[in-house]
Amino acid sequence: STDQTITIVEKRLPQLTKEIDLRTAYHVKLLAARLPLESLYRMERTLQMYRDELSTWNHDLTEHAKTLGDQIAHLDQLSKIWQSTLQVPELSQTPPEILKRVQSLIDSIGRTRQATESRRAEVLTLLSRVLESTERVQTVSSSIEQTQAKVVKNLLVPDSPPIWSWEMRNSTGESRASLLWQASVSA
């Protein structure tokens, strides 16, 4: 299942990274404008979907890297055991085929260790890319949260005169009352 996860991440991560980059550029432009809270919440929900997927990958890849690290440690222990076996003085009286077999086993453990190290390096590289994407999403998410806080803070602050204000005038200078009267007469 870990190989399947790695395959999925390797295939999906470039697409997801492109989506995140496009969304990030789009969201930055939108955040410069005045957006209603609902739009900000929709943007945050979209980013949450990305965060969820990246978090799952982060967990799975971290566990796989840990497992590979444990396997490398186990291979090191096996190699030490067989190396010390070759150092036993009584082994000098054994047939040469057994010595060759022990050396072959030590060589096989070394090759397996190298392959496991290589696989762990691939997993760690992939994990690094996942974490970079997570950081991008978090940066945009923080900007959205700041914008939401500003919008909520200024929610009840008047940004223009009230529509019932008598001082409010249209571009020709007519009062609001005369505009209302004209509208009611024409209706």
C-alpha atoms as a PDB file:
ATOM      1  CA  SER A   1       0.000   0.000   0.000  1.00  0.00           C
ATOM      2  CA  THR A   2       2.899   2.365   0.602  1.00  0.00           C
ATOM      3  CA  ASP A   3       4.139   1.873  -2.949  1.00  0.00           C
ATOM      4  CA  GLN A   4       0.620   2.675  -4.162  1.00  0.00           C
ATOM      5  CA  THR A   5       0.583   5.819  -2.020  1.00  0.00           C
ATOM      6  CA  ILE A   6       3.949   6.877  -3.406  1.00  0.00           C
ATOM      7  CA  THR A   7       2.746   6.287  -6.958  1.00  0.00           C
ATOM      8  CA  ILE A   8      -0.400   8.332  -6.319  1.00  0.00           C
ATOM      9  CA  VAL A   9       1.563  11.178  -4.746  1.00  0.00           C
ATOM     10  CA  GLU A  10       4.141  11.173  -7.558  1.00  0.00           C
ATOM     11  CA  LYS A  11       1.367  11.324 -10.133  1.00  0.00           C
ATOM     12  CA  ARG A  12      -1.002  13.749  -8.378  1.00  0.00           C
ATOM     13  CA  LEU A  13       1.431  16.154  -6.672  1.00  0.00           C
ATOM     14  CA  PRO A  14       2.544  18.045  -9.825  1.00  0.00           C
ATOM     15  CA  GLN A  15      -1.114  18.606 -10.776  1.00  0.00           C
ATOM     16  CA  LEU A  16      -2.016  19.667  -7.259  1.00  0.00           C
ATOM     17  CA  THR A  17       0.971  22.007  -7.109  1.00  0.00           C
ATOM     18  CA  LYS A  18      -0.159  23.689 -10.335  1.00  0.00           C
ATOM     19  CA  GLU A  19      -3.694  24.022  -8.961  1.00  0.00           C
ATOM     20  CA  ILE A  20      -2.353  25.519  -5.747  1.00  0.00           C
ATOM     21  CA  ASP A  21      -0.163  27.974  -7.639  1.00  0.00           C
ATOM     22  CA  LEU A  22      -3.072  29.071  -9.846  1.00  0.00           C
ATOM     23  CA  ARG A  23      -5.421  29.373  -6.854  1.00  0.00           C
ATOM     24  CA  THR A  24      -2.794  31.283  -4.929  1.00  0.00           C
ATOM     25  CA  ALA A  25      -2.363  33.839  -7.706  1.00  0.00           C
ATOM     26  CA  TYR A  26      -6.139  34.101  -8.105  1.00  0.00           C
ATOM     27  CA  HIS A  27      -6.757  34.431  -4.373  1.00  0.00           C
ATOM     28  CA  VAL A  28      -4.084  37.099  -3.984  1.00  0.00           C
ATOM     29  CA  LYS A  29      -5.820  39.177  -6.672  1.00  0.00           C
ATOM     30  CA  LEU A  30      -9.206  38.643  -5.036  1.00  0.00           C
ATOM     31  CA  LEU A  31      -7.923  39.532  -1.596  1.00  0.00           C
ATOM     32  CA  ALA A  32      -6.864  42.926  -2.918  1.00  0.00           C
ATOM     33  CA  ALA A  33     -10.535  43.616  -3.739  1.00  0.00           C
ATOM     34  CA  ARG A  34     -13.311  43.907  -1.200  1.00  0.00           C
ATOM     35  CA  LEU A  35     -14.905  40.496  -0.926  1.00  0.00           C
ATOM     36  CA  PRO A  36     -17.930  39.424   1.070  1.00  0.00           C
ATOM     37  CA  LEU A  37     -17.371  36.969   3.900  1.00  0.00           C
ATOM     38  CA  GLU A  38     -19.083  34.169   1.985  1.00  0.00           C
ATOM     39  CA  SER A  39     -16.505  34.392  -0.800  1.00  0.00           C
ATOM     40  CA  LEU A  40     -13.708  34.284   1.744  1.00  0.00           C
ATOM     41  CA  TYR A  41     -15.233  31.210   3.372  1.00  0.00           C
ATOM     42  CA  ARG A  42     -15.506  29.468  -0.022  1.00  0.00           C
ATOM     43  CA  MET A  43     -11.857  30.246  -0.701  1.00  0.00           C
ATOM     44  CA  GLU A  44     -10.928  28.843   2.707  1.00  0.00           C
ATOM     45  CA  ARG A  45     -12.940  25.647   2.115  1.00  0.00           C
ATOM     46  CA  THR A  46     -11.110  25.064  -1.167  1.00  0.00           C
ATOM     47  CA  LEU A  47      -7.776  25.497   0.546  1.00  0.00           C
ATOM     48  CA  GLN A  48      -8.904  23.158   3.327  1.00  0.00           C
ATOM     49  CA  MET A  49      -9.444  20.409   0.744  1.00  0.00           C
ATOM     50  CA  TYR A  50      -5.858  20.883  -0.423  1.00  0.00           C
ATOM     51  CA  ARG A  51      -4.593  20.893   3.169  1.00  0.00           C
ATOM     52  CA  ASP A  52      -6.453  17.661   3.925  1.00  0.00           C
ATOM     53  CA  GLU A  53      -5.000  15.858   0.922  1.00  0.00           C
ATOM     54  CA  LEU A  54      -1.485  17.136   1.614  1.00  0.00           C
ATOM     55  CA  SER A  55      -1.777  16.235   5.290  1.00  0.00           C
ATOM     56  CA  THR A  56      -2.729  12.658   4.432  1.00  0.00           C
ATOM     57  CA  TRP A  57       0.229  12.390   2.078  1.00  0.00           C
ATOM     58  CA  ASN A  58       2.523  13.940   4.683  1.00  0.00           C
ATOM     59  CA  HIS A  59       1.428  11.364   7.257  1.00  0.00           C
ATOM     60  CA  ASP A  60       1.726   8.399   4.889  1.00  0.00           C
ATOM     61  CA  LEU A  61       5.129   9.429   3.530  1.00  0.00           C
ATOM     62  CA  THR A  62       6.478  10.178   7.009  1.00  0.00           C
ATOM     63  CA  GLU A  63       5.404   6.741   8.201  1.00  0.00           C
ATOM     64  CA  HIS A  64       6.956   5.109   5.150  1.00  0.00           C
ATOM     65  CA  ALA A  65      10.245   6.984   5.644  1.00  0.00           C
ATOM     66  CA  LYS A  66      10.254   5.899   9.289  1.00  0.00           C
ATOM     67  CA  THR A  67       9.655   2.276   8.288  1.00  0.00           C
ATOM     68  CA  LEU A  68      12.496   2.450   5.764  1.00  0.00           C
ATOM     69  CA  GLY A  69      14.753   3.943   8.437  1.00  0.00           C
ATOM     70  CA  ASP A  70      13.876   1.075  10.774  1.00  0.00           C
ATOM     71  CA  GLN A  71      14.646  -1.417   7.996  1.00  0.00           C
ATOM     72  CA  ILE A  72      18.033   0.218   7.400  1.00  0.00           C
ATOM     73  CA  ALA A  73      18.813  -0.044  11.134  1.00  0.00           C
ATOM     74  CA  HIS A  74      17.793  -3.718  11.085  1.00  0.00           C
ATOM     75  CA  LEU A  75      19.998  -4.377   8.046  1.00  0.00           C
ATOM     76  CA  ASP A  76      22.902  -2.680   9.830  1.00  0.00           C
ATOM     77  CA  GLN A  77      22.398  -4.994  12.801  1.00  0.00           C
ATOM     78  CA  LEU A  78      22.310  -8.046  10.543  1.00  0.00           C
ATOM     79  CA  SER A  79      25.447  -6.911   8.753  1.00  0.00           C
ATOM     80  CA  LYS A  80      27.280  -6.441  12.071  1.00  0.00           C
ATOM     81  CA  ILE A  81      26.194  -9.888  13.237  1.00  0.00           C
ATOM     82  CA  TRP A  82      27.429 -11.582  10.074  1.00  0.00           C
ATOM     83  CA  GLN A  83      30.626  -9.507  10.038  1.00  0.00           C
ATOM     84  CA  SER A  84      31.344 -10.603  13.595  1.00  0.00           C
ATOM     85  CA  THR A  85      30.540 -14.175  12.586  1.00  0.00           C
ATOM     86  CA  LEU A  86      33.364 -14.009  10.042  1.00  0.00           C
ATOM     87  CA  GLN A  87      35.700 -12.882  12.840  1.00  0.00           C
ATOM     88  CA  VAL A  88      35.012 -15.948  15.011  1.00  0.00           C
ATOM     89  CA  PRO A  89      38.235 -18.016  15.231  1.00  0.00           C
ATOM     90  CA  GLU A  90      36.384 -21.329  14.987  1.00  0.00           C
ATOM     91  CA  LEU A  91      35.098 -20.330  11.551  1.00  0.00           C
ATOM     92  CA  SER A  92      38.557 -20.796  10.085  1.00  0.00           C
ATOM     93  CA  GLN A  93      38.074 -24.574  10.345  1.00  0.00           C
ATOM     94  CA  THR A  94      34.789 -24.575   8.421  1.00  0.00           C
ATOM     95  CA  PRO A  95      34.577 -25.459   4.721  1.00  0.00           C
ATOM     96  CA  PRO A  96      35.248 -22.550   2.297  1.00  0.00           C
ATOM     97  CA  GLU A  97      31.714 -22.854   0.854  1.00  0.00           C
ATOM     98  CA  ILE A  98      30.264 -21.716   4.169  1.00  0.00           C
ATOM     99  CA  LEU A  99      32.632 -18.744   4.281  1.00  0.00           C
ATOM    100  CA  LYS A 100      31.640 -17.820   0.735  1.00  0.00           C
ATOM    101  CA  ARG A 101      27.979 -18.148   1.675  1.00  0.00           C
ATOM    102  CA  VAL A 102      28.429 -15.860   4.708  1.00  0.00           C
ATOM    103  CA  GLN A 103      30.287 -13.295   2.593  1.00  0.00           C
ATOM    104  CA  SER A 104      27.589 -13.547  -0.073  1.00  0.00           C
ATOM    105  CA  LEU A 105      24.972 -12.889   2.591  1.00  0.00           C
ATOM    106  CA  ILE A 106      26.891  -9.843   3.862  1.00  0.00           C
ATOM    107  CA  ASP A 107      27.134  -8.522   0.288  1.00  0.00           C
ATOM    108  CA  SER A 108      23.416  -9.116  -0.233  1.00  0.00           C
ATOM    109  CA  ILE A 109      22.611  -7.224   2.963  1.00  0.00           C
ATOM    110  CA  GLY A 110      24.777  -4.332   1.724  1.00  0.00           C
ATOM    111  CA  ARG A 111      22.965  -4.185  -1.623  1.00  0.00           C
ATOM    112  CA  THR A 112      19.592  -4.332   0.101  1.00  0.00           C
ATOM    113  CA  ARG A 113      20.661  -1.530   2.440  1.00  0.00           C
ATOM    114  CA  GLN A 114      21.722   0.650  -0.510  1.00  0.00           C
ATOM    115  CA  ALA A 115      18.420   0.019  -2.288  1.00  0.00           C
ATOM    116  CA  THR A 116      16.508   0.830   0.894  1.00  0.00           C
ATOM    117  CA  GLU A 117      18.517   4.033   1.413  1.00  0.00           C
ATOM    118  CA  SER A 118      17.816   5.028  -2.168  1.00  0.00           C
ATOM    119  CA  ARG A 119      14.094   4.416  -1.715  1.00  0.00           C
ATOM    120  CA  ARG A 120      14.077   6.392   1.543  1.00  0.00           C
ATOM    121  CA  ALA A 121      15.840   9.297  -0.217  1.00  0.00           C
ATOM    122  CA  GLU A 122      13.095   9.265  -2.883  1.00  0.00           C
ATOM    123  CA  VAL A 123      10.398   9.254  -0.201  1.00  0.00           C
ATOM    124  CA  LEU A 124      12.073  12.114   1.675  1.00  0.00           C
ATOM    125  CA  THR A 125      12.364  14.155  -1.527  1.00  0.00           C
ATOM    126  CA  LEU A 126       8.681  13.580  -2.226  1.00  0.00           C
ATOM    127  CA  LEU A 127       7.844  14.475   1.357  1.00  0.00           C
ATOM    128  CA  SER A 128       9.797  17.702   0.983  1.00  0.00           C
ATOM    129  CA  ARG A 129       7.756  18.646  -2.083  1.00  0.00           C
ATOM    130  CA  VAL A 130       4.529  17.889  -0.190  1.00  0.00           C
ATOM    131  CA  LEU A 131       5.663  20.131   2.662  1.00  0.00           C
ATOM    132  CA  GLU A 132       6.494  22.958   0.232  1.00  0.00           C
ATOM    133  CA  SER A 133       2.982  22.776  -1.205  1.00  0.00           C
ATOM    134  CA  THR A 134       1.538  22.689   2.306  1.00  0.00           C
ATOM    135  CA  GLU A 135       3.480  25.836   3.154  1.00  0.00           C
ATOM    136  CA  ARG A 136       2.109  27.636   0.071  1.00  0.00           C
ATOM    137  CA  VAL A 137      -1.442  26.700   1.007  1.00  0.00           C
ATOM    138  CA  GLN A 138      -0.879  27.827   4.596  1.00  0.00           C
ATOM    139  CA  THR A 139       0.485  31.196   3.447  1.00  0.00           C
ATOM    140  CA  VAL A 140      -2.611  31.911   1.356  1.00  0.00           C
ATOM    141  CA  SER A 141      -4.853  30.583   4.105  1.00  0.00           C
ATOM    142  CA  SER A 142      -3.273  32.992   6.588  1.00  0.00           C
ATOM    143  CA  SER A 143      -3.905  35.886   4.200  1.00  0.00           C
ATOM    144  CA  ILE A 144      -7.541  34.841   3.889  1.00  0.00           C
ATOM    145  CA  GLU A 145      -7.898  34.611   7.662  1.00  0.00           C
ATOM    146  CA  GLN A 146      -6.439  38.112   8.064  1.00  0.00           C
ATOM    147  CA  THR A 147      -8.821  39.463   5.447  1.00  0.00           C
ATOM    148  CA  GLN A 148     -11.749  37.722   7.152  1.00  0.00           C
ATOM    149  CA  ALA A 149     -10.751  39.267  10.479  1.00  0.00           C
ATOM    150  CA  LYS A 150     -10.610  42.730   8.869  1.00  0.00           C
ATOM    151  CA  VAL A 151     -14.005  42.259   7.240  1.00  0.00           C
ATOM    152  CA  VAL A 152     -15.571  41.086  10.505  1.00  0.00           C
ATOM    153  CA  LYS A 153     -13.923  43.916  12.440  1.00  0.00           C
ATOM    154  CA  ASN A 154     -15.275  46.499   9.986  1.00  0.00           C
ATOM    155  CA  LEU A 155     -18.653  44.843   9.563  1.00  0.00           C
ATOM    156  CA  LEU A 156     -20.578  47.421  11.604  1.00  0.00           C
ATOM    157  CA  VAL A 157     -18.397  50.405  10.755  1.00  0.00           C
ATOM    158  CA  PRO A 158     -20.189  52.777   8.352  1.00  0.00           C
ATOM    159  CA  ASP A 159     -18.355  53.107   5.063  1.00  0.00           C
ATOM    160  CA  SER A 160     -20.816  55.541   3.454  1.00  0.00           C
ATOM    161  CA  PRO A 161     -23.652  57.782   4.577  1.00  0.00           C
ATOM    162  CA  PRO A 162     -26.909  55.986   5.325  1.00  0.00           C
ATOM    163  CA  ILE A 163     -29.482  55.906   2.532  1.00  0.00           C
ATOM    164  CA  TRP A 164     -31.967  57.773   4.709  1.00  0.00           C
ATOM    165  CA  SER A 165     -29.529  60.642   5.269  1.00  0.00           C
ATOM    166  CA  TRP A 166     -30.854  63.973   3.976  1.00  0.00           C
ATOM    167  CA  GLU A 167     -27.308  65.039   3.201  1.00  0.00           C
ATOM    168  CA  MET A 168     -26.932  62.329   0.626  1.00  0.00           C
ATOM    169  CA  ARG A 169     -27.143  63.864  -2.808  1.00  0.00           C
ATOM    170  CA  ASN A 170     -26.868  62.548  -6.315  1.00  0.00           C
ATOM    171  CA  SER A 171     -24.445  63.955  -8.862  1.00  0.00           C
ATOM    172  CA  THR A 172     -26.817  66.832  -9.817  1.00  0.00           C
ATOM    173  CA  GLY A 173     -27.231  67.935  -6.223  1.00  0.00           C
ATOM    174  CA  GLU A 174     -30.873  66.964  -5.774  1.00  0.00           C
ATOM    175  CA  SER A 175     -31.889  65.825  -2.323  1.00  0.00           C
ATOM    176  CA  ARG A 176     -32.782  62.245  -1.582  1.00  0.00           C
ATOM    177  CA  ALA A 177     -36.341  63.299  -0.739  1.00  0.00           C
ATOM    178  CA  SER A 178     -36.889  64.834  -4.162  1.00  0.00           C
ATOM    179  CA  LEU A 179     -35.495  61.701  -5.807  1.00  0.00           C
ATOM    180  CA  LEU A 180     -37.895  59.535  -3.794  1.00  0.00           C
ATOM    181  CA  TRP A 181     -40.788  61.826  -4.708  1.00  0.00           C
ATOM    182  CA  GLN A 182     -39.876  61.637  -8.429  1.00  0.00           C
ATOM    183  CA  ALA A 183     -39.684  57.872  -8.227  1.00  0.00           C
ATOM    184  CA  SER A 184     -43.097  57.602  -6.569  1.00  0.00           C
ATOM    185  CA  VAL A 185     -44.716  59.942  -9.130  1.00  0.00           C
ATOM    186  CA  SER A 186     -43.328  58.033 -12.093  1.00  0.00           C
ATOM    187  CA  ALA A 187     -44.479  54.692 -10.664  1.00  0.00           C
END
